[in-house]
Amino acid sequence: MARLFGIAGRSGQGKTTLIEALLAHFGAQGLVVNVIKHCHHRLDLEPPHKNSARFRAAGAGEVLVVSPTSWAILHDGPEPSFDTMLARLSPADLTLVEGYTTAELPRLEVVRSGSGCEVLYPHDPRIVAIASDMVLDTRLPVLALDDVPAIAAFIARTVGGLSAGGAQADNRS
């Protein structure tokens, strides 16, 4: 069973910074964590003059780019479903999800003081906790934004079954 947990929040709140810290924390425990990041804008991964971009422009269905240290599949077409993308990932102990706001999974909202942004948690029942640098008037658990171990422990309790060096779960539901 897939262990999925979302990180939500308005732009500029620190979602990426928190995910980076959680990856380091879980990684130090020997856990494998994948990340799915949804973008609302066009995604250009290579300059137009590079071979892979030229192959795509010439009509290739997909282009697989491989180097000694990484690889990527580039595909033009309509946006696939969340479940389709999840199924393409390698097995992991946990998958953190940023974006895909309609996917049914528990989420933690990042709320930073002084941003002036509207918060999401009053209107999104999938938000089960908040990470913030301020006191909030809510019944949801509020975790200190800089307390990565407490946030990681909350995520582990919420998704269940995470243990250091434990058997890796399949991403597929």
N, C-alpha and C. Protein backbone atom coordinates (compact mmCIF):
# COMPACT_ATOMS: atom_id res chain seq x y z
N MET A 1 0.83 -1.18 0.00
CA MET A 1 0.00 0.00 0.00
C MET A 1 0.88 1.24 0.00
N ALA A 2 0.51 2.23 -0.79
CA ALA A 2 1.29 3.46 -0.89
C ALA A 2 1.14 4.29 0.38
N ARG A 3 2.25 4.82 0.85
CA ARG A 3 2.24 5.76 1.96
C ARG A 3 2.45 7.15 1.34
N LEU A 4 1.37 7.92 1.31
CA LEU A 4 1.38 9.23 0.68
C LEU A 4 1.07 10.31 1.69
N PHE A 5 1.76 11.44 1.58
CA PHE A 5 1.47 12.56 2.46
C PHE A 5 1.76 13.84 1.70
N GLY A 6 0.82 14.79 1.75
CA GLY A 6 0.94 16.03 1.00
C GLY A 6 1.48 17.18 1.84
N ILE A 7 2.20 18.04 1.18
CA ILE A 7 2.67 19.30 1.76
C ILE A 7 2.00 20.40 0.96
N ALA A 8 1.17 21.20 1.62
CA ALA A 8 0.36 22.22 0.96
C ALA A 8 0.76 23.60 1.45
N GLY A 9 0.28 24.60 0.74
CA GLY A 9 0.52 25.98 1.15
C GLY A 9 0.63 26.88 -0.06
N ARG A 10 0.45 28.14 0.18
CA ARG A 10 0.56 29.13 -0.89
C ARG A 10 2.03 29.28 -1.29
N SER A 11 2.25 29.87 -2.45
CA SER A 11 3.60 30.11 -2.95
C SER A 11 4.38 30.98 -1.97
N GLY A 12 5.65 30.61 -1.77
CA GLY A 12 6.52 31.40 -0.91
C GLY A 12 6.45 31.08 0.57
N GLN A 13 5.68 30.07 0.95
CA GLN A 13 5.52 29.74 2.37
C GLN A 13 6.64 28.85 2.92
N GLY A 14 7.38 28.18 2.04
CA GLY A 14 8.48 27.34 2.51
C GLY A 14 8.24 25.85 2.32
N LYS A 15 7.35 25.49 1.42
CA LYS A 15 7.06 24.06 1.18
C LYS A 15 8.30 23.31 0.71
N THR A 16 9.00 23.87 -0.27
CA THR A 16 10.18 23.20 -0.81
C THR A 16 11.27 23.06 0.26
N THR A 17 11.49 24.11 1.03
CA THR A 17 12.49 24.06 2.10
C THR A 17 12.13 22.98 3.12
N LEU A 18 10.86 22.89 3.48
CA LEU A 18 10.43 21.85 4.42
C LEU A 18 10.62 20.46 3.82
N ILE A 19 10.24 20.28 2.57
CA ILE A 19 10.40 18.96 1.94
C ILE A 19 11.88 18.57 1.90
N GLU A 20 12.77 19.52 1.58
CA GLU A 20 14.21 19.22 1.58
C GLU A 20 14.66 18.75 2.96
N ALA A 21 14.21 19.43 4.01
CA ALA A 21 14.58 19.05 5.37
C ALA A 21 14.01 17.68 5.73
N LEU A 22 12.76 17.41 5.32
CA LEU A 22 12.16 16.10 5.60
C LEU A 22 12.89 14.98 4.86
N LEU A 23 13.32 15.24 3.62
CA LEU A 23 14.08 14.24 2.87
C LEU A 23 15.38 13.90 3.59
N ALA A 24 16.07 14.91 4.09
CA ALA A 24 17.31 14.66 4.82
C ALA A 24 17.03 13.89 6.11
N HIS A 25 15.98 14.27 6.81
CA HIS A 25 15.62 13.61 8.07
C HIS A 25 15.27 12.14 7.85
N PHE A 26 14.36 11.88 6.93
CA PHE A 26 13.96 10.49 6.67
C PHE A 26 15.11 9.68 6.08
N GLY A 27 15.90 10.32 5.22
CA GLY A 27 17.05 9.65 4.63
C GLY A 27 18.06 9.22 5.67
N ALA A 28 18.27 10.05 6.70
CA ALA A 28 19.19 9.70 7.78
C ALA A 28 18.68 8.50 8.58
N GLN A 29 17.39 8.23 8.50
CA GLN A 29 16.80 7.06 9.16
C GLN A 29 16.82 5.83 8.27
N GLY A 30 17.39 5.96 7.08
CA GLY A 30 17.46 4.84 6.15
C GLY A 30 16.19 4.63 5.34
N LEU A 31 15.30 5.62 5.31
CA LEU A 31 14.06 5.50 4.55
C LEU A 31 14.23 6.07 3.15
N VAL A 32 13.56 5.48 2.21
CA VAL A 32 13.53 5.99 0.83
C VAL A 32 12.25 6.80 0.67
N VAL A 33 12.40 8.05 0.25
CA VAL A 33 11.26 8.93 0.10
C VAL A 33 11.27 9.50 -1.31
N ASN A 34 10.17 9.33 -2.02
CA ASN A 34 9.97 9.94 -3.33
C ASN A 34 9.21 11.24 -3.16
N VAL A 35 9.27 12.09 -4.17
CA VAL A 35 8.52 13.35 -4.17
C VAL A 35 7.81 13.48 -5.51
N ILE A 36 6.55 13.85 -5.45
CA ILE A 36 5.80 14.23 -6.64
C ILE A 36 5.51 15.72 -6.50
N LYS A 37 5.93 16.49 -7.50
CA LYS A 37 5.71 17.94 -7.51
C LYS A 37 4.87 18.28 -8.72
N HIS A 38 3.71 18.88 -8.50
CA HIS A 38 2.85 19.30 -9.60
C HIS A 38 3.09 20.77 -9.90
N CYS A 39 3.26 21.09 -11.17
CA CYS A 39 3.45 22.48 -11.61
C CYS A 39 2.21 22.94 -12.35
N HIS A 40 1.89 24.21 -12.22
CA HIS A 40 0.74 24.77 -12.93
C HIS A 40 1.15 25.48 -14.21
N HIS A 41 2.41 25.42 -14.54
CA HIS A 41 2.91 26.11 -15.73
C HIS A 41 3.63 25.12 -16.63
N ARG A 42 3.96 25.55 -17.84
CA ARG A 42 4.68 24.70 -18.79
C ARG A 42 6.03 24.30 -18.18
N LEU A 43 6.39 23.05 -18.36
CA LEU A 43 7.62 22.52 -17.80
C LEU A 43 8.63 22.32 -18.93
N ASP A 44 9.68 23.12 -18.96
CA ASP A 44 10.74 22.99 -19.96
C ASP A 44 11.99 22.51 -19.26
N LEU A 45 12.40 21.29 -19.55
CA LEU A 45 13.54 20.69 -18.86
C LEU A 45 14.84 20.77 -19.65
N GLU A 46 14.75 21.12 -20.94
CA GLU A 46 15.97 21.21 -21.71
C GLU A 46 15.91 22.41 -22.64
N PRO A 47 17.08 22.99 -22.95
CA PRO A 47 17.11 24.11 -23.90
C PRO A 47 16.65 23.65 -25.29
N PRO A 48 15.99 24.53 -26.05
CA PRO A 48 15.42 24.14 -27.35
C PRO A 48 16.44 23.58 -28.35
N HIS A 49 17.70 23.95 -28.25
CA HIS A 49 18.70 23.51 -29.23
C HIS A 49 19.34 22.15 -28.90
N LYS A 50 19.08 21.60 -27.72
CA LYS A 50 19.67 20.31 -27.33
C LYS A 50 19.00 19.17 -28.08
N ASN A 51 19.74 18.06 -28.22
CA ASN A 51 19.25 16.92 -29.00
C ASN A 51 17.90 16.42 -28.52
N SER A 52 17.72 16.28 -27.22
CA SER A 52 16.46 15.73 -26.72
C SER A 52 15.28 16.61 -27.09
N ALA A 53 15.45 17.93 -27.02
CA ALA A 53 14.39 18.85 -27.43
C ALA A 53 14.15 18.76 -28.92
N ARG A 54 15.19 18.60 -29.68
CA ARG A 54 15.05 18.48 -31.14
C ARG A 54 14.31 17.19 -31.49
N PHE A 55 14.60 16.09 -30.78
CA PHE A 55 13.90 14.82 -31.03
C PHE A 55 12.41 14.97 -30.74
N ARG A 56 12.08 15.64 -29.64
CA ARG A 56 10.67 15.84 -29.28
C ARG A 56 9.98 16.70 -30.32
N ALA A 57 10.65 17.77 -30.75
CA ALA A 57 10.07 18.66 -31.77
C ALA A 57 9.87 17.93 -33.09
N ALA A 58 10.71 16.93 -33.35
CA ALA A 58 10.60 16.17 -34.60
C ALA A 58 9.51 15.11 -34.54
N GLY A 59 8.91 14.90 -33.35
CA GLY A 59 7.77 14.00 -33.27
C GLY A 59 7.94 12.76 -32.41
N ALA A 60 9.04 12.63 -31.68
CA ALA A 60 9.21 11.47 -30.81
C ALA A 60 8.11 11.44 -29.76
N GLY A 61 7.54 10.25 -29.50
CA GLY A 61 6.51 10.11 -28.47
C GLY A 61 7.07 10.38 -27.08
N GLU A 62 8.20 9.79 -26.79
CA GLU A 62 8.94 10.04 -25.55
C GLU A 62 10.42 10.01 -25.90
N VAL A 63 11.19 10.75 -25.11
CA VAL A 63 12.64 10.72 -25.24
C VAL A 63 13.21 10.36 -23.87
N LEU A 64 14.01 9.32 -23.84
CA LEU A 64 14.68 8.90 -22.61
C LEU A 64 16.10 9.45 -22.66
N VAL A 65 16.44 10.34 -21.73
CA VAL A 65 17.76 10.94 -21.65
C VAL A 65 18.49 10.28 -20.49
N VAL A 66 19.69 9.77 -20.78
CA VAL A 66 20.43 9.00 -19.78
C VAL A 66 21.85 9.54 -19.67
N SER A 67 22.31 9.70 -18.42
CA SER A 67 23.70 10.06 -18.15
C SER A 67 24.24 9.08 -17.13
N PRO A 68 25.52 9.13 -16.83
CA PRO A 68 26.06 8.22 -15.82
C PRO A 68 25.47 8.40 -14.42
N THR A 69 24.83 9.56 -14.15
CA THR A 69 24.34 9.82 -12.79
C THR A 69 22.83 9.98 -12.68
N SER A 70 22.12 10.12 -13.79
CA SER A 70 20.67 10.29 -13.70
C SER A 70 20.04 10.03 -15.06
N TRP A 71 18.70 9.97 -15.06
CA TRP A 71 17.97 9.80 -16.31
C TRP A 71 16.58 10.40 -16.16
N ALA A 72 15.97 10.71 -17.31
CA ALA A 72 14.63 11.28 -17.30
C ALA A 72 13.90 10.88 -18.57
N ILE A 73 12.60 10.69 -18.45
CA ILE A 73 11.76 10.47 -19.62
C ILE A 73 11.00 11.76 -19.88
N LEU A 74 11.13 12.27 -21.09
CA LEU A 74 10.45 13.50 -21.48
C LEU A 74 9.30 13.13 -22.40
N HIS A 75 8.12 13.61 -22.06
CA HIS A 75 6.91 13.24 -22.80
C HIS A 75 6.04 14.47 -22.97
N ASP A 76 5.66 14.75 -24.20
CA ASP A 76 4.70 15.84 -24.46
C ASP A 76 3.32 15.23 -24.58
N GLY A 77 2.34 15.92 -24.07
CA GLY A 77 0.97 15.43 -24.17
C GLY A 77 0.13 15.94 -23.04
N PRO A 78 -1.13 15.52 -22.98
CA PRO A 78 -2.01 15.98 -21.91
C PRO A 78 -1.51 15.48 -20.55
N GLU A 79 -1.85 16.24 -19.54
CA GLU A 79 -1.42 15.89 -18.18
C GLU A 79 -2.05 14.57 -17.74
N PRO A 80 -1.21 13.60 -17.31
CA PRO A 80 -1.74 12.33 -16.83
C PRO A 80 -2.33 12.48 -15.43
N SER A 81 -3.08 11.49 -15.02
CA SER A 81 -3.68 11.51 -13.68
C SER A 81 -2.60 11.32 -12.62
N PHE A 82 -2.93 11.70 -11.41
CA PHE A 82 -2.05 11.50 -10.27
C PHE A 82 -1.68 10.03 -10.13
N ASP A 83 -2.66 9.14 -10.22
CA ASP A 83 -2.41 7.70 -10.06
C ASP A 83 -1.47 7.17 -11.15
N THR A 84 -1.60 7.68 -12.36
CA THR A 84 -0.71 7.27 -13.44
C THR A 84 0.73 7.65 -13.13
N MET A 85 0.92 8.85 -12.64
CA MET A 85 2.27 9.32 -12.31
C MET A 85 2.83 8.57 -11.10
N LEU A 86 2.00 8.34 -10.11
CA LEU A 86 2.42 7.59 -8.93
C LEU A 86 2.92 6.20 -9.32
N ALA A 87 2.23 5.56 -10.25
CA ALA A 87 2.59 4.21 -10.68
C ALA A 87 3.93 4.18 -11.41
N ARG A 88 4.41 5.31 -11.91
CA ARG A 88 5.69 5.35 -12.63
C ARG A 88 6.88 5.46 -11.69
N LEU A 89 6.63 5.78 -10.44
CA LEU A 89 7.73 5.93 -9.49
C LEU A 89 8.26 4.58 -9.03
N SER A 90 9.52 4.58 -8.63
CA SER A 90 10.11 3.38 -8.02
C SER A 90 9.51 3.20 -6.64
N PRO A 91 9.55 1.97 -6.12
CA PRO A 91 9.05 1.74 -4.76
C PRO A 91 9.78 2.61 -3.73
N ALA A 92 9.06 3.03 -2.70
CA ALA A 92 9.63 3.87 -1.64
C ALA A 92 8.87 3.63 -0.35
N ASP A 93 9.47 4.04 0.75
CA ASP A 93 8.81 3.94 2.05
C ASP A 93 7.71 4.99 2.18
N LEU A 94 7.90 6.13 1.53
CA LEU A 94 6.98 7.25 1.64
C LEU A 94 7.07 8.08 0.38
N THR A 95 5.96 8.65 -0.06
CA THR A 95 5.98 9.62 -1.15
C THR A 95 5.34 10.91 -0.64
N LEU A 96 6.13 11.98 -0.69
CA LEU A 96 5.63 13.30 -0.35
C LEU A 96 5.10 13.95 -1.62
N VAL A 97 3.98 14.64 -1.50
CA VAL A 97 3.31 15.22 -2.67
C VAL A 97 3.13 16.72 -2.44
N GLU A 98 3.66 17.51 -3.38
CA GLU A 98 3.42 18.94 -3.36
C GLU A 98 2.57 19.26 -4.59
N GLY A 99 1.42 19.84 -4.37
CA GLY A 99 0.49 20.09 -5.46
C GLY A 99 -0.53 18.97 -5.52
N TYR A 100 -1.08 18.74 -6.69
CA TYR A 100 -2.16 17.75 -6.85
C TYR A 100 -3.21 17.96 -5.76
N THR A 101 -3.73 19.15 -5.69
CA THR A 101 -4.64 19.54 -4.60
C THR A 101 -5.94 18.76 -4.57
N THR A 102 -6.28 18.07 -5.67
CA THR A 102 -7.52 17.29 -5.66
C THR A 102 -7.30 15.83 -5.28
N ALA A 103 -6.04 15.41 -5.15
CA ALA A 103 -5.75 14.02 -4.75
C ALA A 103 -6.18 13.80 -3.31
N GLU A 104 -6.77 12.65 -3.07
CA GLU A 104 -7.26 12.32 -1.73
C GLU A 104 -6.12 11.77 -0.88
N LEU A 105 -5.47 12.64 -0.12
CA LEU A 105 -4.40 12.24 0.78
C LEU A 105 -4.28 13.27 1.89
N PRO A 106 -3.79 12.84 3.04
CA PRO A 106 -3.63 13.80 4.13
C PRO A 106 -2.54 14.81 3.79
N ARG A 107 -2.73 16.05 4.26
CA ARG A 107 -1.79 17.12 3.97
C ARG A 107 -1.47 17.93 5.22
N LEU A 108 -0.27 18.49 5.19
CA LEU A 108 0.15 19.46 6.18
C LEU A 108 0.31 20.78 5.45
N GLU A 109 -0.28 21.84 5.98
CA GLU A 109 -0.14 23.16 5.35
C GLU A 109 0.99 23.93 6.00
N VAL A 110 1.83 24.54 5.18
CA VAL A 110 2.90 25.42 5.66
C VAL A 110 2.35 26.84 5.65
N VAL A 111 2.38 27.49 6.83
CA VAL A 111 1.87 28.85 6.98
C VAL A 111 2.96 29.68 7.64
N ARG A 112 3.45 30.66 6.93
CA ARG A 112 4.54 31.51 7.45
C ARG A 112 3.99 32.90 7.80
N SER A 113 4.45 33.42 8.94
CA SER A 113 4.00 34.75 9.38
C SER A 113 4.45 35.83 8.41
N GLY A 114 3.66 36.89 8.35
CA GLY A 114 4.02 38.04 7.55
C GLY A 114 3.85 37.88 6.05
N SER A 115 3.31 36.76 5.62
CA SER A 115 3.19 36.55 4.17
C SER A 115 1.97 37.24 3.59
N GLY A 116 0.95 37.43 4.41
CA GLY A 116 -0.28 38.03 3.93
C GLY A 116 -1.10 37.10 3.04
N CYS A 117 -0.70 35.84 2.94
CA CYS A 117 -1.42 34.89 2.09
C CYS A 117 -2.63 34.32 2.82
N GLU A 118 -3.65 34.04 2.05
CA GLU A 118 -4.83 33.36 2.60
C GLU A 118 -4.45 31.92 2.92
N VAL A 119 -4.86 31.44 4.08
CA VAL A 119 -4.58 30.06 4.47
C VAL A 119 -5.58 29.11 3.81
N LEU A 120 -5.18 27.87 3.67
CA LEU A 120 -6.01 26.86 3.01
C LEU A 120 -6.82 26.01 3.99
N TYR A 121 -6.29 25.79 5.20
CA TYR A 121 -6.86 24.79 6.09
C TYR A 121 -8.34 24.98 6.46
N PRO A 122 -8.88 26.19 6.53
CA PRO A 122 -10.30 26.28 6.87
C PRO A 122 -11.22 25.72 5.78
N HIS A 123 -10.69 25.60 4.55
CA HIS A 123 -11.52 25.19 3.42
C HIS A 123 -11.13 23.84 2.83
N ASP A 124 -10.11 23.18 3.37
CA ASP A 124 -9.63 21.91 2.82
C ASP A 124 -9.62 20.86 3.92
N PRO A 125 -10.59 19.95 3.92
CA PRO A 125 -10.66 18.94 4.98
C PRO A 125 -9.53 17.92 4.93
N ARG A 126 -8.75 17.91 3.85
CA ARG A 126 -7.61 16.97 3.77
C ARG A 126 -6.40 17.49 4.53
N ILE A 127 -6.42 18.76 4.92
CA ILE A 127 -5.32 19.29 5.74
C ILE A 127 -5.55 18.84 7.17
N VAL A 128 -4.59 18.06 7.67
CA VAL A 128 -4.73 17.44 8.99
C VAL A 128 -3.81 18.07 10.03
N ALA A 129 -2.92 18.97 9.60
CA ALA A 129 -2.02 19.66 10.53
C ALA A 129 -1.42 20.86 9.81
N ILE A 130 -0.80 21.72 10.60
CA ILE A 130 -0.18 22.94 10.07
C ILE A 130 1.23 23.04 10.64
N ALA A 131 2.16 23.43 9.81
CA ALA A 131 3.52 23.77 10.26
C ALA A 131 3.65 25.28 10.11
N SER A 132 3.96 25.97 11.21
CA SER A 132 3.97 27.43 11.17
C SER A 132 4.99 28.00 12.13
N ASP A 133 5.32 29.26 11.90
CA ASP A 133 6.20 30.00 12.81
C ASP A 133 5.40 30.98 13.67
N MET A 134 4.07 30.74 13.76
CA MET A 134 3.23 31.63 14.58
C MET A 134 2.11 30.82 15.23
N VAL A 135 1.44 31.41 16.17
CA VAL A 135 0.31 30.78 16.84
C VAL A 135 -0.93 30.98 15.97
N LEU A 136 -1.68 29.89 15.78
CA LEU A 136 -2.89 29.95 14.95
C LEU A 136 -4.10 29.51 15.76
N ASP A 137 -5.24 30.11 15.48
CA ASP A 137 -6.48 29.75 16.14
C ASP A 137 -7.17 28.65 15.33
N THR A 138 -6.89 27.41 15.69
CA THR A 138 -7.45 26.27 14.98
C THR A 138 -7.46 25.05 15.90
N ARG A 139 -8.30 24.10 15.57
CA ARG A 139 -8.33 22.83 16.32
C ARG A 139 -7.32 21.83 15.76
N LEU A 140 -6.76 22.14 14.60
CA LEU A 140 -5.76 21.25 14.01
C LEU A 140 -4.45 21.31 14.79
N PRO A 141 -3.68 20.24 14.78
CA PRO A 141 -2.34 20.31 15.39
C PRO A 141 -1.50 21.35 14.65
N VAL A 142 -0.80 22.20 15.41
CA VAL A 142 0.11 23.18 14.84
C VAL A 142 1.51 22.82 15.32
N LEU A 143 2.38 22.53 14.36
CA LEU A 143 3.76 22.14 14.64
C LEU A 143 4.69 23.29 14.29
N ALA A 144 5.76 23.43 15.07
CA ALA A 144 6.73 24.49 14.79
C ALA A 144 7.38 24.22 13.44
N LEU A 145 7.39 25.20 12.57
CA LEU A 145 7.90 25.05 11.22
C LEU A 145 9.36 24.61 11.21
N ASP A 146 10.12 25.00 12.22
CA ASP A 146 11.54 24.62 12.26
C ASP A 146 11.80 23.32 13.02
N ASP A 147 10.75 22.65 13.49
CA ASP A 147 10.91 21.38 14.23
C ASP A 147 10.70 20.20 13.29
N VAL A 148 11.68 19.96 12.44
CA VAL A 148 11.58 18.91 11.42
C VAL A 148 11.36 17.53 12.05
N PRO A 149 12.05 17.17 13.14
CA PRO A 149 11.79 15.86 13.74
C PRO A 149 10.32 15.68 14.18
N ALA A 150 9.70 16.72 14.73
CA ALA A 150 8.30 16.63 15.16
C ALA A 150 7.37 16.51 13.94
N ILE A 151 7.67 17.26 12.89
CA ILE A 151 6.86 17.17 11.67
C ILE A 151 7.00 15.78 11.06
N ALA A 152 8.23 15.27 10.99
CA ALA A 152 8.47 13.93 10.44
C ALA A 152 7.75 12.87 11.27
N ALA A 153 7.78 13.01 12.59
CA ALA A 153 7.09 12.05 13.47
C ALA A 153 5.58 12.10 13.23
N PHE A 154 5.03 13.30 13.04
CA PHE A 154 3.61 13.43 12.76
C PHE A 154 3.26 12.73 11.45
N ILE A 155 4.07 12.95 10.42
CA ILE A 155 3.84 12.30 9.13
C ILE A 155 3.91 10.79 9.29
N ALA A 156 4.92 10.30 9.99
CA ALA A 156 5.08 8.86 10.19
C ALA A 156 3.87 8.26 10.90
N ARG A 157 3.37 8.94 11.93
CA ARG A 157 2.18 8.45 12.64
C ARG A 157 0.96 8.46 11.72
N THR A 158 0.83 9.49 10.91
CA THR A 158 -0.33 9.63 10.06
C THR A 158 -0.38 8.55 8.98
N VAL A 159 0.74 8.29 8.33
CA VAL A 159 0.75 7.29 7.24
C VAL A 159 0.91 5.88 7.77
N GLY A 160 1.49 5.72 8.96
CA GLY A 160 1.67 4.40 9.56
C GLY A 160 2.72 3.56 8.84
N GLY A 161 3.31 2.64 9.57
CA GLY A 161 4.20 1.65 8.99
C GLY A 161 5.58 2.12 8.61
N LEU A 162 6.00 3.33 8.97
CA LEU A 162 7.35 3.77 8.65
C LEU A 162 8.29 3.38 9.78
N SER A 163 9.38 2.74 9.41
CA SER A 163 10.41 2.43 10.40
C SER A 163 11.75 2.47 9.70
N ALA A 164 12.77 2.90 10.41
CA ALA A 164 14.10 3.02 9.82
C ALA A 164 14.54 1.70 9.23
N GLY A 165 14.97 1.74 7.99
CA GLY A 165 15.47 0.56 7.32
C GLY A 165 14.40 -0.50 7.07
N GLY A 166 13.13 -0.11 7.23
CA GLY A 166 12.02 -1.05 7.07
C GLY A 166 11.84 -1.48 5.62
N ALA A 167 11.00 -2.46 5.45
CA ALA A 167 10.70 -2.93 4.09
C ALA A 167 10.06 -1.80 3.31
N GLN A 168 10.50 -1.65 2.05
CA GLN A 168 9.98 -0.57 1.24
C GLN A 168 8.59 -0.93 0.73
N ALA A 169 7.74 0.06 0.80
CA ALA A 169 6.36 -0.12 0.33
C ALA A 169 6.29 0.16 -1.16
N ASP A 170 5.36 -0.44 -1.80
CA ASP A 170 5.10 -0.17 -3.21
C ASP A 170 4.31 1.13 -3.29
N ASN A 171 4.63 2.00 -4.26
CA ASN A 171 3.91 3.25 -4.45
C ASN A 171 2.50 3.05 -4.95
N ARG A 172 2.23 1.93 -5.55
CA ARG A 172 0.94 1.72 -6.19
C ARG A 172 -0.13 1.37 -5.15
N SER A 173 -1.28 1.98 -5.29
CA SER A 173 -2.37 1.73 -4.35
C SER A 173 -3.09 0.45 -4.69
